[in-house]
Amino acid sequence: MTTRNAIDLQERPARPAQCLKRVPILDAAADVFCREGFSGASIDEIAARACVSRQTIYNHYREKETLFIAVVADVTARANTAVFAALAAFPDRPEKLREDLIAFAVDLNRNCLYNQDGKFLRKLVQSEGPRYPHLFEAWREHGPCKIGTALGAILARLHHQGLLQIPDCDVAARQFTALINADLQMPTLFGETPTEADIETAAQQGVDMFLRGYGVPAKTAA
């Protein structure tokens, strides 16, 4: 081996043995942050998972905090895509309000709140939110706040159509989400995944309670 080749080999960063294929940095970071939390995660581990050098990560994100915020923003954007697809599918003029609300609640829980992205965000918020609230500012603004506003607009439309009686649609939107999740939160807190039957039952019970509070009495319905 020539001296030049020996120098080249010394200068090349060693690739980890488990580095079989390159993984996007944000996906690798999401995996590590989810397992280790913000304080426990290391840039070296993320770099090994992504099959890049630690300098590459610093070139893109400068520091671990910036990378964490980017991960949360990326997962929130994916989760929002599913949520807004469910919102867009809600009929403009529902003919069977209870059935349509139940179908919407099932879709929201199954494909949005309890899918992989939803579970990831919930775990991070629960574990890291109390210690690092500033890292979730963008999530609050573009996640729950944005979704709550969109759901409130749907409820306002139903109110103006005479199908519901809602004095404050923003409050009602938060209550709707809380009601359809009431029976699912405890199991998921301990890592369980709701079954289809669990999601269906939670949706029915939540919607029925919501309609008891905001439904229009049959004799005055439009």
N, C-alpha and C. Protein backbone atom coordinates (compact mmCIF):
# COMPACT_ATOMS: atom_id res chain seq x y z
N MET A 1 0.86 -1.20 0.00
CA MET A 1 0.00 0.00 0.00
C MET A 1 0.89 1.24 0.00
N THR A 2 0.58 2.17 -0.88
CA THR A 2 1.37 3.39 -0.95
C THR A 2 1.04 4.29 0.23
N THR A 3 1.96 5.27 0.47
CA THR A 3 1.72 6.23 1.55
C THR A 3 0.46 7.03 1.32
N ARG A 4 0.21 7.40 0.04
CA ARG A 4 -0.98 8.19 -0.27
C ARG A 4 -2.26 7.43 0.04
N ASN A 5 -2.29 6.13 -0.33
CA ASN A 5 -3.47 5.31 -0.04
C ASN A 5 -3.68 5.15 1.45
N ALA A 6 -2.58 5.00 2.19
CA ALA A 6 -2.70 4.86 3.64
C ALA A 6 -3.30 6.12 4.25
N ILE A 7 -2.85 7.27 3.76
CA ILE A 7 -3.40 8.54 4.26
C ILE A 7 -4.88 8.65 3.93
N ASP A 8 -5.25 8.26 2.68
CA ASP A 8 -6.65 8.33 2.29
C ASP A 8 -7.53 7.51 3.22
N LEU A 9 -7.08 6.29 3.54
CA LEU A 9 -7.87 5.42 4.40
C LEU A 9 -8.00 6.01 5.80
N GLN A 10 -6.94 6.66 6.28
CA GLN A 10 -7.00 7.25 7.60
C GLN A 10 -7.95 8.43 7.64
N GLU A 11 -8.08 9.17 6.55
CA GLU A 11 -8.93 10.37 6.53
C GLU A 11 -10.40 10.05 6.33
N ARG A 12 -10.69 8.89 5.77
CA ARG A 12 -12.10 8.55 5.53
C ARG A 12 -12.77 8.18 6.85
N PRO A 13 -13.94 8.74 7.13
CA PRO A 13 -14.63 8.37 8.37
C PRO A 13 -15.09 6.93 8.30
N ALA A 14 -14.95 6.22 9.41
CA ALA A 14 -15.39 4.82 9.45
C ALA A 14 -16.90 4.74 9.38
N ARG A 15 -17.39 3.84 8.53
CA ARG A 15 -18.83 3.65 8.41
C ARG A 15 -19.24 2.56 9.39
N PRO A 16 -20.30 2.79 10.18
CA PRO A 16 -20.71 1.79 11.15
C PRO A 16 -21.11 0.49 10.48
N ALA A 17 -20.90 -0.62 11.20
CA ALA A 17 -21.17 -1.94 10.62
C ALA A 17 -22.64 -2.10 10.25
N GLN A 18 -23.54 -1.47 11.03
CA GLN A 18 -24.97 -1.63 10.77
C GLN A 18 -25.48 -0.71 9.67
N CYS A 19 -24.59 0.07 9.07
CA CYS A 19 -25.00 1.05 8.06
C CYS A 19 -25.19 0.34 6.72
N LEU A 20 -26.34 -0.27 6.53
CA LEU A 20 -26.61 -1.02 5.31
C LEU A 20 -27.21 -0.14 4.23
N LYS A 21 -27.98 0.85 4.62
CA LYS A 21 -28.53 1.78 3.63
C LYS A 21 -28.76 3.13 4.29
N ARG A 22 -28.68 4.16 3.49
CA ARG A 22 -28.85 5.51 4.02
C ARG A 22 -30.31 5.76 4.39
N VAL A 23 -30.51 6.39 5.54
CA VAL A 23 -31.84 6.75 6.03
C VAL A 23 -31.90 8.27 6.11
N PRO A 24 -32.98 8.91 5.68
CA PRO A 24 -33.07 10.36 5.82
C PRO A 24 -32.78 10.80 7.25
N ILE A 25 -32.10 11.92 7.38
CA ILE A 25 -31.68 12.39 8.70
C ILE A 25 -32.88 12.58 9.63
N LEU A 26 -33.96 13.17 9.13
CA LEU A 26 -35.11 13.42 10.00
C LEU A 26 -35.75 12.12 10.47
N ASP A 27 -35.80 11.11 9.59
CA ASP A 27 -36.36 9.82 10.00
C ASP A 27 -35.47 9.16 11.05
N ALA A 28 -34.16 9.23 10.83
CA ALA A 28 -33.24 8.66 11.80
C ALA A 28 -33.34 9.37 13.14
N ALA A 29 -33.42 10.69 13.09
CA ALA A 29 -33.52 11.47 14.32
C ALA A 29 -34.83 11.19 15.04
N ALA A 30 -35.91 11.04 14.29
CA ALA A 30 -37.20 10.73 14.91
C ALA A 30 -37.13 9.42 15.68
N ASP A 31 -36.50 8.44 15.09
CA ASP A 31 -36.36 7.13 15.74
C ASP A 31 -35.57 7.24 17.02
N VAL A 32 -34.47 7.96 16.98
CA VAL A 32 -33.61 8.07 18.16
C VAL A 32 -34.26 8.93 19.24
N PHE A 33 -34.85 10.05 18.85
CA PHE A 33 -35.52 10.91 19.83
C PHE A 33 -36.68 10.17 20.51
N CYS A 34 -37.40 9.37 19.75
CA CYS A 34 -38.54 8.64 20.31
C CYS A 34 -38.07 7.62 21.34
N ARG A 35 -36.93 6.98 21.08
CA ARG A 35 -36.42 5.96 22.00
C ARG A 35 -35.69 6.56 23.19
N GLU A 36 -34.92 7.62 22.95
CA GLU A 36 -34.01 8.13 23.98
C GLU A 36 -34.47 9.44 24.60
N GLY A 37 -35.46 10.11 24.00
CA GLY A 37 -35.82 11.43 24.47
C GLY A 37 -34.83 12.48 23.99
N PHE A 38 -35.13 13.74 24.25
CA PHE A 38 -34.26 14.81 23.76
C PHE A 38 -32.90 14.78 24.44
N SER A 39 -32.89 14.70 25.75
CA SER A 39 -31.61 14.76 26.47
C SER A 39 -30.77 13.51 26.25
N GLY A 40 -31.41 12.35 26.10
CA GLY A 40 -30.67 11.11 25.95
C GLY A 40 -30.16 10.85 24.55
N ALA A 41 -30.74 11.48 23.56
CA ALA A 41 -30.33 11.25 22.17
C ALA A 41 -28.98 11.91 21.90
N SER A 42 -28.16 11.26 21.10
CA SER A 42 -26.87 11.83 20.73
C SER A 42 -26.80 12.00 19.22
N ILE A 43 -26.09 13.03 18.80
CA ILE A 43 -25.90 13.27 17.38
C ILE A 43 -25.14 12.11 16.73
N ASP A 44 -24.20 11.52 17.47
CA ASP A 44 -23.45 10.39 16.93
C ASP A 44 -24.37 9.22 16.60
N GLU A 45 -25.31 8.92 17.49
CA GLU A 45 -26.23 7.82 17.24
C GLU A 45 -27.13 8.12 16.05
N ILE A 46 -27.60 9.37 15.95
CA ILE A 46 -28.44 9.76 14.82
C ILE A 46 -27.65 9.66 13.52
N ALA A 47 -26.40 10.11 13.54
CA ALA A 47 -25.57 10.04 12.35
C ALA A 47 -25.35 8.59 11.91
N ALA A 48 -25.11 7.70 12.89
CA ALA A 48 -24.92 6.29 12.56
C ALA A 48 -26.19 5.70 11.96
N ARG A 49 -27.33 6.07 12.53
CA ARG A 49 -28.61 5.56 12.03
C ARG A 49 -28.87 6.06 10.62
N ALA A 50 -28.48 7.30 10.33
CA ALA A 50 -28.72 7.89 9.01
C ALA A 50 -27.62 7.58 8.01
N CYS A 51 -26.54 6.97 8.48
CA CYS A 51 -25.39 6.67 7.62
C CYS A 51 -24.76 7.93 7.04
N VAL A 52 -24.61 8.94 7.89
CA VAL A 52 -23.93 10.17 7.50
C VAL A 52 -22.96 10.53 8.62
N SER A 53 -22.11 11.51 8.37
CA SER A 53 -21.20 11.97 9.41
C SER A 53 -21.94 12.94 10.34
N ARG A 54 -21.44 13.07 11.55
CA ARG A 54 -22.05 14.03 12.47
C ARG A 54 -21.91 15.45 11.93
N GLN A 55 -20.83 15.72 11.18
CA GLN A 55 -20.65 17.05 10.61
C GLN A 55 -21.74 17.36 9.60
N THR A 56 -22.18 16.34 8.86
CA THR A 56 -23.28 16.55 7.91
C THR A 56 -24.54 17.01 8.63
N ILE A 57 -24.81 16.40 9.77
CA ILE A 57 -25.99 16.81 10.54
C ILE A 57 -25.83 18.24 11.04
N TYR A 58 -24.66 18.56 11.55
CA TYR A 58 -24.44 19.93 12.03
C TYR A 58 -24.50 20.94 10.89
N ASN A 59 -24.06 20.55 9.69
CA ASN A 59 -24.14 21.45 8.55
C ASN A 59 -25.58 21.79 8.20
N HIS A 60 -26.48 20.81 8.39
CA HIS A 60 -27.89 21.01 8.05
C HIS A 60 -28.68 21.68 9.18
N TYR A 61 -28.37 21.30 10.44
CA TYR A 61 -29.25 21.70 11.54
C TYR A 61 -28.54 22.45 12.68
N ARG A 62 -27.23 22.62 12.60
CA ARG A 62 -26.45 23.44 13.53
C ARG A 62 -26.33 22.84 14.94
N GLU A 63 -27.45 22.38 15.52
CA GLU A 63 -27.41 21.86 16.89
C GLU A 63 -28.56 20.88 17.10
N LYS A 64 -28.49 20.15 18.20
CA LYS A 64 -29.49 19.12 18.45
C LYS A 64 -30.88 19.71 18.63
N GLU A 65 -30.97 20.87 19.27
CA GLU A 65 -32.27 21.50 19.48
C GLU A 65 -32.94 21.83 18.15
N THR A 66 -32.18 22.39 17.22
CA THR A 66 -32.73 22.71 15.90
C THR A 66 -33.19 21.45 15.18
N LEU A 67 -32.44 20.37 15.31
CA LEU A 67 -32.82 19.11 14.69
C LEU A 67 -34.10 18.56 15.30
N PHE A 68 -34.22 18.64 16.62
CA PHE A 68 -35.43 18.15 17.29
C PHE A 68 -36.67 18.92 16.80
N ILE A 69 -36.55 20.24 16.73
CA ILE A 69 -37.66 21.07 16.27
C ILE A 69 -38.04 20.71 14.84
N ALA A 70 -37.03 20.45 14.01
CA ALA A 70 -37.29 20.06 12.61
C ALA A 70 -38.01 18.72 12.54
N VAL A 71 -37.63 17.78 13.41
CA VAL A 71 -38.31 16.48 13.45
C VAL A 71 -39.78 16.65 13.83
N VAL A 72 -40.03 17.42 14.87
CA VAL A 72 -41.41 17.65 15.31
C VAL A 72 -42.23 18.31 14.20
N ALA A 73 -41.63 19.28 13.52
CA ALA A 73 -42.32 19.97 12.43
C ALA A 73 -42.63 19.01 11.28
N ASP A 74 -41.67 18.14 10.97
CA ASP A 74 -41.85 17.19 9.87
C ASP A 74 -42.96 16.19 10.17
N VAL A 75 -42.95 15.63 11.38
CA VAL A 75 -43.98 14.66 11.75
C VAL A 75 -45.34 15.34 11.86
N THR A 76 -45.37 16.56 12.38
CA THR A 76 -46.63 17.31 12.49
C THR A 76 -47.22 17.56 11.11
N ALA A 77 -46.38 17.90 10.14
CA ALA A 77 -46.87 18.15 8.78
C ALA A 77 -47.48 16.88 8.19
N ARG A 78 -46.83 15.73 8.41
CA ARG A 78 -47.39 14.46 7.91
C ARG A 78 -48.71 14.14 8.60
N ALA A 79 -48.74 14.33 9.92
CA ALA A 79 -49.97 14.06 10.66
C ALA A 79 -51.09 14.98 10.21
N ASN A 80 -50.77 16.24 9.96
CA ASN A 80 -51.78 17.20 9.51
C ASN A 80 -52.38 16.80 8.16
N THR A 81 -51.57 16.21 7.29
CA THR A 81 -52.08 15.78 5.99
C THR A 81 -53.22 14.79 6.17
N ALA A 82 -53.06 13.84 7.09
CA ALA A 82 -54.11 12.85 7.34
C ALA A 82 -55.32 13.50 8.01
N VAL A 83 -55.08 14.40 8.95
CA VAL A 83 -56.18 15.05 9.65
C VAL A 83 -57.02 15.89 8.69
N PHE A 84 -56.36 16.67 7.85
CA PHE A 84 -57.11 17.55 6.94
C PHE A 84 -57.79 16.76 5.83
N ALA A 85 -57.27 15.58 5.51
CA ALA A 85 -57.99 14.71 4.58
C ALA A 85 -59.29 14.23 5.21
N ALA A 86 -59.26 13.90 6.49
CA ALA A 86 -60.48 13.50 7.20
C ALA A 86 -61.46 14.66 7.29
N LEU A 87 -60.95 15.85 7.58
CA LEU A 87 -61.83 17.03 7.66
C LEU A 87 -62.47 17.33 6.31
N ALA A 88 -61.68 17.21 5.23
CA ALA A 88 -62.20 17.51 3.90
C ALA A 88 -63.25 16.50 3.46
N ALA A 89 -63.19 15.28 4.00
CA ALA A 89 -64.15 14.25 3.61
C ALA A 89 -65.50 14.41 4.29
N PHE A 90 -65.58 15.26 5.31
CA PHE A 90 -66.87 15.45 5.99
C PHE A 90 -67.84 16.14 5.04
N PRO A 91 -69.07 15.61 4.91
CA PRO A 91 -70.02 16.16 3.92
C PRO A 91 -70.40 17.61 4.22
N ASP A 92 -70.61 18.38 3.16
CA ASP A 92 -71.01 19.78 3.34
C ASP A 92 -72.38 19.91 3.98
N ARG A 93 -73.28 19.04 3.57
CA ARG A 93 -74.63 19.04 4.15
C ARG A 93 -75.00 17.62 4.55
N PRO A 94 -74.58 17.20 5.74
CA PRO A 94 -74.84 15.83 6.16
C PRO A 94 -76.33 15.54 6.30
N GLU A 95 -76.76 14.42 5.75
CA GLU A 95 -78.16 14.01 5.85
C GLU A 95 -78.40 13.16 7.09
N LYS A 96 -77.35 12.48 7.55
CA LYS A 96 -77.44 11.68 8.77
C LYS A 96 -76.31 12.13 9.69
N LEU A 97 -76.62 13.16 10.49
CA LEU A 97 -75.58 13.85 11.24
C LEU A 97 -74.84 12.90 12.20
N ARG A 98 -75.58 12.11 12.97
CA ARG A 98 -74.93 11.24 13.94
C ARG A 98 -74.00 10.25 13.24
N GLU A 99 -74.49 9.59 12.20
CA GLU A 99 -73.69 8.61 11.48
C GLU A 99 -72.46 9.25 10.84
N ASP A 100 -72.65 10.46 10.29
CA ASP A 100 -71.51 11.14 9.65
C ASP A 100 -70.47 11.57 10.68
N LEU A 101 -70.91 12.02 11.84
CA LEU A 101 -69.97 12.41 12.89
C LEU A 101 -69.21 11.20 13.44
N ILE A 102 -69.91 10.09 13.56
CA ILE A 102 -69.25 8.86 14.04
C ILE A 102 -68.20 8.40 13.03
N ALA A 103 -68.57 8.39 11.75
CA ALA A 103 -67.61 7.98 10.71
C ALA A 103 -66.39 8.90 10.72
N PHE A 104 -66.64 10.20 10.90
CA PHE A 104 -65.54 11.16 10.96
C PHE A 104 -64.65 10.90 12.18
N ALA A 105 -65.26 10.64 13.32
CA ALA A 105 -64.51 10.39 14.55
C ALA A 105 -63.66 9.12 14.42
N VAL A 106 -64.22 8.08 13.81
CA VAL A 106 -63.47 6.84 13.60
C VAL A 106 -62.27 7.11 12.69
N ASP A 107 -62.51 7.83 11.60
CA ASP A 107 -61.43 8.13 10.66
C ASP A 107 -60.34 8.97 11.33
N LEU A 108 -60.75 9.93 12.14
CA LEU A 108 -59.80 10.82 12.81
C LEU A 108 -58.92 10.03 13.78
N ASN A 109 -59.53 9.15 14.54
CA ASN A 109 -58.76 8.38 15.52
C ASN A 109 -57.90 7.30 14.86
N ARG A 110 -58.48 6.58 13.92
CA ARG A 110 -57.78 5.45 13.31
C ARG A 110 -56.60 5.91 12.46
N ASN A 111 -56.82 6.88 11.61
CA ASN A 111 -55.83 7.26 10.61
C ASN A 111 -55.02 8.50 10.95
N CYS A 112 -55.37 9.16 12.04
CA CYS A 112 -54.68 10.41 12.36
C CYS A 112 -54.07 10.41 13.75
N LEU A 113 -54.90 10.22 14.77
CA LEU A 113 -54.41 10.36 16.13
C LEU A 113 -53.69 9.13 16.65
N TYR A 114 -54.07 7.95 16.12
CA TYR A 114 -53.47 6.72 16.65
C TYR A 114 -52.68 5.96 15.58
N ASN A 115 -52.30 6.66 14.51
CA ASN A 115 -51.37 6.05 13.56
C ASN A 115 -49.95 6.28 14.07
N GLN A 116 -48.96 5.92 13.29
CA GLN A 116 -47.57 6.00 13.74
C GLN A 116 -47.15 7.43 14.08
N ASP A 117 -47.52 8.39 13.22
CA ASP A 117 -47.14 9.77 13.48
C ASP A 117 -47.84 10.32 14.72
N GLY A 118 -49.13 9.99 14.85
CA GLY A 118 -49.87 10.47 16.01
C GLY A 118 -49.30 9.93 17.31
N LYS A 119 -48.97 8.64 17.32
CA LYS A 119 -48.39 8.04 18.52
C LYS A 119 -47.01 8.63 18.83
N PHE A 120 -46.23 8.89 17.78
CA PHE A 120 -44.91 9.48 17.98
C PHE A 120 -45.02 10.86 18.64
N LEU A 121 -45.90 11.70 18.10
CA LEU A 121 -46.06 13.04 18.66
C LEU A 121 -46.56 12.99 20.09
N ARG A 122 -47.53 12.12 20.35
CA ARG A 122 -48.07 12.02 21.69
C ARG A 122 -46.99 11.59 22.70
N LYS A 123 -46.17 10.62 22.31
CA LYS A 123 -45.11 10.16 23.20
C LYS A 123 -44.10 11.27 23.48
N LEU A 124 -43.71 11.99 22.43
CA LEU A 124 -42.74 13.06 22.63
C LEU A 124 -43.30 14.18 23.50
N VAL A 125 -44.53 14.57 23.25
CA VAL A 125 -45.14 15.65 24.03
C VAL A 125 -45.25 15.23 25.50
N GLN A 126 -45.68 14.00 25.74
CA GLN A 126 -45.84 13.54 27.12
C GLN A 126 -44.51 13.44 27.85
N SER A 127 -43.47 12.97 27.16
CA SER A 127 -42.19 12.74 27.84
C SER A 127 -41.31 13.99 27.89
N GLU A 128 -41.35 14.80 26.82
CA GLU A 128 -40.42 15.93 26.73
C GLU A 128 -41.09 17.28 26.92
N GLY A 129 -42.39 17.37 26.71
CA GLY A 129 -43.08 18.65 26.80
C GLY A 129 -42.90 19.37 28.13
N PRO A 130 -43.07 18.68 29.27
CA PRO A 130 -42.91 19.39 30.55
C PRO A 130 -41.51 19.95 30.77
N ARG A 131 -40.48 19.29 30.22
CA ARG A 131 -39.10 19.74 30.44
C ARG A 131 -38.64 20.75 29.39
N TYR A 132 -39.16 20.60 28.16
CA TYR A 132 -38.71 21.47 27.06
C TYR A 132 -39.91 22.04 26.30
N PRO A 133 -40.76 22.81 26.97
CA PRO A 133 -41.97 23.31 26.29
C PRO A 133 -41.67 24.17 25.07
N HIS A 134 -40.54 24.86 25.08
CA HIS A 134 -40.23 25.74 23.96
C HIS A 134 -39.97 24.96 22.68
N LEU A 135 -39.64 23.68 22.79
CA LEU A 135 -39.38 22.88 21.60
C LEU A 135 -40.66 22.51 20.85
N PHE A 136 -41.80 22.75 21.48
CA PHE A 136 -43.08 22.33 20.89
C PHE A 136 -43.95 23.53 20.50
N GLU A 137 -43.36 24.71 20.44
CA GLU A 137 -44.15 25.89 20.09
C GLU A 137 -44.76 25.77 18.70
N ALA A 138 -43.96 25.31 17.74
CA ALA A 138 -44.47 25.16 16.37
C ALA A 138 -45.54 24.08 16.31
N TRP A 139 -45.36 23.01 17.10
CA TRP A 139 -46.37 21.94 17.13
C TRP A 139 -47.69 22.46 17.65
N ARG A 140 -47.67 23.26 18.70
CA ARG A 140 -48.91 23.80 19.25
C ARG A 140 -49.62 24.68 18.22
N GLU A 141 -48.82 25.49 17.52
CA GLU A 141 -49.40 26.44 16.56
C GLU A 141 -49.92 25.74 15.31
N HIS A 142 -49.16 24.80 14.79
CA HIS A 142 -49.51 24.17 13.52
C HIS A 142 -50.19 22.82 13.68
N GLY A 143 -50.23 22.31 14.91
CA GLY A 143 -50.90 21.05 15.18
C GLY A 143 -52.27 21.27 15.79
N PRO A 144 -52.40 21.18 17.11
CA PRO A 144 -53.71 21.31 17.76
C PRO A 144 -54.44 22.61 17.44
N CYS A 145 -53.74 23.73 17.42
CA CYS A 145 -54.43 25.02 17.17
C CYS A 145 -54.99 25.07 15.75
N LYS A 146 -54.19 24.66 14.78
CA LYS A 146 -54.63 24.71 13.39
C LYS A 146 -55.77 23.73 13.13
N ILE A 147 -55.67 22.54 13.71
CA ILE A 147 -56.71 21.53 13.53
C ILE A 147 -57.98 21.96 14.25
N GLY A 148 -57.82 22.51 15.46
CA GLY A 148 -59.00 22.97 16.20
C GLY A 148 -59.75 24.05 15.45
N THR A 149 -59.03 24.96 14.80
CA THR A 149 -59.68 26.02 14.01
C THR A 149 -60.45 25.43 12.84
N ALA A 150 -59.86 24.45 12.16
CA ALA A 150 -60.53 23.83 11.02
C ALA A 150 -61.77 23.06 11.45
N LEU A 151 -61.66 22.32 12.56
CA LEU A 151 -62.83 21.59 13.06
C LEU A 151 -63.90 22.55 13.55
N GLY A 152 -63.48 23.65 14.17
CA GLY A 152 -64.44 24.66 14.60
C GLY A 152 -65.21 25.24 13.42
N ALA A 153 -64.55 25.38 12.27
CA ALA A 153 -65.23 25.91 11.08
C ALA A 153 -66.31 24.94 10.59
N ILE A 154 -66.03 23.64 10.67
CA ILE A 154 -67.05 22.65 10.28
C ILE A 154 -68.24 22.72 11.23
N LEU A 155 -67.96 22.81 12.52
CA LEU A 155 -69.05 22.89 13.50
C LEU A 155 -69.85 24.17 13.33
N ALA A 156 -69.18 25.27 12.97
CA ALA A 156 -69.89 26.53 12.73
C ALA A 156 -70.84 26.38 11.54
N ARG A 157 -70.39 25.67 10.51
CA ARG A 157 -71.25 25.44 9.35
C ARG A 157 -72.48 24.63 9.75
N LEU A 158 -72.29 23.61 10.57
CA LEU A 158 -73.42 22.81 11.03
C LEU A 158 -74.36 23.63 11.89
N HIS A 159 -73.81 24.54 12.66
CA HIS A 159 -74.63 25.43 13.48
C HIS A 159 -75.49 26.32 12.59
N HIS A 160 -74.89 26.91 11.57
CA HIS A 160 -75.63 27.81 10.68
C HIS A 160 -76.65 27.05 9.83
N GLN A 161 -76.42 25.78 9.62
CA GLN A 161 -77.38 24.96 8.89
C GLN A 161 -78.54 24.50 9.78
N GLY A 162 -78.47 24.84 11.06
CA GLY A 162 -79.53 24.46 11.98
C GLY A 162 -79.44 23.03 12.48
N LEU A 163 -78.31 22.39 12.27
CA LEU A 163 -78.16 21.00 12.68
C LEU A 163 -77.59 20.87 14.09
N LEU A 164 -76.91 21.91 14.56
CA LEU A 164 -76.38 21.94 15.91
C LEU A 164 -76.65 23.32 16.51
N GLN A 165 -76.61 23.37 17.83
CA GLN A 165 -76.74 24.65 18.54
C GLN A 165 -75.48 24.85 19.36
N ILE A 166 -74.55 25.68 18.83
CA ILE A 166 -73.23 25.82 19.45
C ILE A 166 -72.94 27.29 19.70
N PRO A 167 -72.83 27.71 20.95
CA PRO A 167 -72.51 29.12 21.23
C PRO A 167 -71.06 29.48 20.95
N ASP A 168 -70.13 28.53 21.11
CA ASP A 168 -68.71 28.78 20.88
C ASP A 168 -68.11 27.57 20.16
N CYS A 169 -67.88 27.72 18.87
CA CYS A 169 -67.44 26.58 18.06
C CYS A 169 -66.01 26.15 18.35
N ASP A 170 -65.16 27.08 18.78
CA ASP A 170 -63.79 26.70 19.12
C ASP A 170 -63.76 25.81 20.36
N VAL A 171 -64.57 26.17 21.35
CA VAL A 171 -64.68 25.34 22.56
C VAL A 171 -65.28 23.98 22.20
N ALA A 172 -66.30 23.99 21.37
CA ALA A 172 -66.96 22.74 20.98
C ALA A 172 -66.01 21.82 20.22
N ALA A 173 -65.12 22.39 19.42
CA ALA A 173 -64.14 21.58 18.68
C ALA A 173 -63.22 20.85 19.64
N ARG A 174 -62.75 21.54 20.66
CA ARG A 174 -61.88 20.89 21.65
C ARG A 174 -62.64 19.82 22.42
N GLN A 175 -63.90 20.10 22.73
CA GLN A 175 -64.71 19.13 23.46
C GLN A 175 -64.99 17.89 22.61
N PHE A 176 -65.24 18.07 21.33
CA PHE A 176 -65.48 16.94 20.44
C PHE A 176 -64.27 16.00 20.42
N THR A 177 -63.09 16.59 20.24
CA THR A 177 -61.87 15.77 20.20
C THR A 177 -61.65 15.05 21.53
N ALA A 178 -61.91 15.74 22.63
CA ALA A 178 -61.73 15.12 23.94
C ALA A 178 -62.71 13.97 24.16
N LEU A 179 -63.94 14.15 23.73
CA LEU A 179 -64.97 13.13 23.95
C LEU A 179 -64.68 11.86 23.16
N ILE A 180 -64.27 11.98 21.91
CA ILE A 180 -64.05 10.78 21.10
C ILE A 180 -62.76 10.06 21.50
N ASN A 181 -61.93 10.73 22.32
CA ASN A 181 -60.68 10.12 22.80
C ASN A 181 -60.75 9.68 24.26
N ALA A 182 -61.87 9.98 24.92
CA ALA A 182 -61.95 9.79 26.37
C ALA A 182 -61.61 8.37 26.80
N ASP A 183 -62.12 7.37 26.08
CA ASP A 183 -61.91 5.98 26.48
C ASP A 183 -60.66 5.36 25.86
N LEU A 184 -59.92 6.12 25.08
CA LEU A 184 -58.74 5.58 24.41
C LEU A 184 -57.44 6.06 25.05
N GLN A 185 -57.51 7.13 25.80
CA GLN A 185 -56.29 7.75 26.32
C GLN A 185 -55.56 6.87 27.33
N MET A 186 -56.29 6.25 28.25
CA MET A 186 -55.63 5.47 29.29
C MET A 186 -54.88 4.27 28.71
N PRO A 187 -55.50 3.46 27.84
CA PRO A 187 -54.75 2.33 27.27
C PRO A 187 -53.51 2.77 26.49
N THR A 188 -53.65 3.83 25.68
CA THR A 188 -52.52 4.28 24.87
C THR A 188 -51.41 4.87 25.73
N LEU A 189 -51.77 5.38 26.91
CA LEU A 189 -50.76 5.92 27.82
C LEU A 189 -49.78 4.83 28.23
N PHE A 190 -50.24 3.58 28.24
CA PHE A 190 -49.39 2.46 28.62
C PHE A 190 -48.93 1.65 27.42
N GLY A 191 -48.99 2.26 26.24
CA GLY A 191 -48.42 1.65 25.05
C GLY A 191 -49.33 0.71 24.29
N GLU A 192 -50.59 0.60 24.67
CA GLU A 192 -51.51 -0.28 23.96
C GLU A 192 -52.03 0.43 22.70
N THR A 193 -52.35 -0.35 21.69
CA THR A 193 -52.93 0.18 20.46
C THR A 193 -54.42 -0.15 20.43
N PRO A 194 -55.28 0.85 20.29
CA PRO A 194 -56.72 0.58 20.29
C PRO A 194 -57.12 -0.35 19.15
N THR A 195 -58.05 -1.25 19.43
CA THR A 195 -58.59 -2.12 18.39
C THR A 195 -59.63 -1.37 17.59
N GLU A 196 -60.05 -1.95 16.47
CA GLU A 196 -61.11 -1.34 15.67
C GLU A 196 -62.38 -1.20 16.49
N ALA A 197 -62.68 -2.21 17.31
CA ALA A 197 -63.87 -2.16 18.15
C ALA A 197 -63.76 -1.03 19.18
N ASP A 198 -62.58 -0.86 19.76
CA ASP A 198 -62.36 0.22 20.73
C ASP A 198 -62.60 1.58 20.08
N ILE A 199 -62.05 1.76 18.88
CA ILE A 199 -62.18 3.05 18.18
C ILE A 199 -63.64 3.32 17.82
N GLU A 200 -64.33 2.31 17.35
CA GLU A 200 -65.74 2.45 16.97
C GLU A 200 -66.59 2.80 18.19
N THR A 201 -66.39 2.08 19.29
CA THR A 201 -67.17 2.34 20.51
C THR A 201 -66.89 3.73 21.06
N ALA A 202 -65.61 4.13 21.08
CA ALA A 202 -65.25 5.46 21.57
C ALA A 202 -65.89 6.55 20.72
N ALA A 203 -65.94 6.33 19.41
CA ALA A 203 -66.54 7.30 18.51
C ALA A 203 -68.04 7.42 18.76
N GLN A 204 -68.71 6.31 18.88
CA GLN A 204 -70.16 6.33 19.11
C GLN A 204 -70.50 7.02 20.42
N GLN A 205 -69.80 6.64 21.48
CA GLN A 205 -70.10 7.22 22.79
C GLN A 205 -69.75 8.70 22.84
N GLY A 206 -68.63 9.08 22.23
CA GLY A 206 -68.24 10.48 22.22
C GLY A 206 -69.20 11.34 21.44
N VAL A 207 -69.61 10.87 20.27
CA VAL A 207 -70.55 11.63 19.44
C VAL A 207 -71.90 11.74 20.12
N ASP A 208 -72.36 10.67 20.74
CA ASP A 208 -73.67 10.72 21.43
C ASP A 208 -73.64 11.74 22.56
N MET A 209 -72.55 11.78 23.31
CA MET A 209 -72.44 12.77 24.38
C MET A 209 -72.36 14.19 23.80
N PHE A 210 -71.64 14.35 22.71
CA PHE A 210 -71.53 15.66 22.06
C PHE A 210 -72.91 16.14 21.59
N LEU A 211 -73.68 15.25 21.02
CA LEU A 211 -75.01 15.63 20.51
C LEU A 211 -75.99 15.91 21.65
N ARG A 212 -75.78 15.29 22.81
CA ARG A 212 -76.64 15.63 23.94
C ARG A 212 -76.44 17.08 24.37
N GLY A 213 -75.23 17.55 24.19
CA GLY A 213 -74.95 18.92 24.58
C GLY A 213 -75.27 19.95 23.51
N TYR A 214 -75.08 19.57 22.23
CA TYR A 214 -75.20 20.56 21.16
C TYR A 214 -76.23 20.19 20.09
N GLY A 215 -76.86 19.05 20.23
CA GLY A 215 -77.84 18.64 19.23
C GLY A 215 -79.10 19.49 19.28
N VAL A 216 -79.79 19.54 18.15
CA VAL A 216 -81.05 20.29 18.05
C VAL A 216 -82.19 19.32 18.38
N PRO A 217 -83.07 19.70 19.30
CA PRO A 217 -84.21 18.84 19.62
C PRO A 217 -85.00 18.49 18.35
N ALA A 218 -85.49 17.28 18.28
CA ALA A 218 -86.14 16.79 17.07
C ALA A 218 -87.30 17.67 16.63
N LYS A 219 -88.06 18.20 17.56
CA LYS A 219 -89.25 18.97 17.20
C LYS A 219 -88.92 20.33 16.59
N THR A 220 -87.64 20.83 16.79
CA THR A 220 -87.29 22.12 16.21
C THR A 220 -86.22 22.01 15.15
N ALA A 221 -85.86 20.76 14.80
CA ALA A 221 -84.80 20.58 13.80
C ALA A 221 -85.22 21.15 12.46
N ALA A 222 -84.26 21.70 11.73
CA ALA A 222 -84.55 22.30 10.42
C ALA A 222 -84.79 21.21 9.41
